[in-house]
């Protein structure tokens, strides 16, 4: 009975995915719109900095602030 439910769930998920792929229209990125003024592309360093390094640094800053706030709150309760 468990395999039958798993098979049904898999068939439903793959069917839904297939239908969404077939019904979606392709992106028309090759056709330019009026007023479209794209800027220059990002270099590899810019892309890595923006999408890899910046989120990691932001996460570390937020985590550090949370840990500092938690330590100060614990010291107030003890003292």
Protein backbone atom coordinates (compact mmCIF):
# COMPACT_ATOMS: atom_id res chain seq x y z
CA UNK A 1 0.00 0.00 0.00
CA UNK A 2 2.89 2.36 0.74
CA UNK A 3 4.45 1.83 -2.70
CA UNK A 4 1.15 2.59 -4.37
CA UNK A 5 0.88 5.96 -2.61
CA UNK A 6 4.49 6.80 -3.47
CA UNK A 7 3.85 5.89 -7.10
CA UNK A 8 0.74 8.07 -7.20
CA UNK A 9 2.60 11.01 -5.63
CA UNK A 10 5.47 10.64 -8.08
CA UNK A 11 3.13 10.42 -11.06
CA UNK A 12 1.22 13.49 -9.89
CA UNK A 13 4.40 15.51 -9.31
CA UNK A 14 5.94 14.57 -12.66
CA UNK A 15 2.67 15.16 -14.49
CA UNK A 16 2.25 18.57 -12.92
CA UNK A 17 5.84 19.51 -13.75
CA UNK A 18 5.47 18.32 -17.33
CA UNK A 19 2.24 20.26 -17.82
CA UNK A 20 3.77 23.45 -16.39
CA UNK A 21 6.76 23.10 -18.72
CA UNK A 22 4.57 22.52 -21.74
CA UNK A 23 2.17 25.38 -20.94
CA UNK A 24 4.82 28.00 -20.19
CA UNK A 25 5.89 30.15 -23.08
CA UNK A 26 9.58 30.62 -23.79
CA UNK A 27 11.21 33.82 -22.65
CA UNK A 28 11.44 36.38 -25.41
CA UNK A 29 14.76 37.83 -24.34
CA UNK A 30 15.92 38.22 -27.93
CA UNK A 31 13.24 40.76 -28.76
CA UNK A 32 14.03 44.23 -27.45
CA UNK A 33 11.25 46.38 -26.01
CA UNK A 34 10.85 50.11 -26.58
CA UNK A 35 12.88 52.02 -24.04
CA UNK A 36 14.97 48.98 -23.18
CA UNK A 37 18.41 50.19 -22.15
CA UNK A 38 20.46 47.37 -20.62
CA UNK A 39 23.65 48.25 -18.84
CA UNK A 40 26.99 46.60 -19.23
CA UNK A 41 27.30 43.02 -18.01
CA UNK A 42 28.88 42.01 -14.73
CA UNK A 43 32.35 40.52 -14.65
CA UNK A 44 32.98 37.19 -12.94
CA UNK A 45 34.44 38.94 -9.90
CA UNK A 46 31.45 41.29 -9.65
CA UNK A 47 29.02 38.38 -9.95
CA UNK A 48 30.77 36.30 -7.30
CA UNK A 49 30.99 39.29 -4.99
CA UNK A 50 27.34 40.18 -5.40
CA UNK A 51 25.79 36.72 -5.28
CA UNK A 52 28.25 34.74 -3.12
CA UNK A 53 30.40 36.96 -0.92
CA UNK A 54 27.80 39.60 -0.02
CA UNK A 55 25.17 37.12 1.29
CA UNK A 56 27.81 35.26 3.32
CA UNK A 57 29.09 38.49 4.86
CA UNK A 58 25.54 39.64 5.58
CA UNK A 59 24.75 36.30 7.24
CA UNK A 60 27.90 36.51 9.39
CA UNK A 61 27.12 40.08 10.47
CA UNK A 62 23.55 39.18 11.45
CA UNK A 63 24.67 36.02 13.25
CA UNK A 64 27.35 38.00 15.10
CA UNK A 65 24.85 40.63 16.21
CA UNK A 66 22.46 37.96 17.43
CA UNK A 67 25.22 36.22 19.40
CA UNK A 68 26.38 39.49 20.98
CA UNK A 69 22.80 40.33 21.96
CA UNK A 70 22.30 36.87 23.42
CA UNK A 71 25.51 37.04 25.47
CA UNK A 72 24.66 40.44 26.90
CA UNK A 73 21.19 39.22 27.84
CA UNK A 74 22.68 36.20 29.66
CA UNK A 75 25.14 38.42 31.55
CA UNK A 76 22.32 40.71 32.74
CA UNK A 77 20.41 37.74 34.16
CA UNK A 78 23.48 36.44 36.05
CA UNK A 79 24.58 39.76 37.47
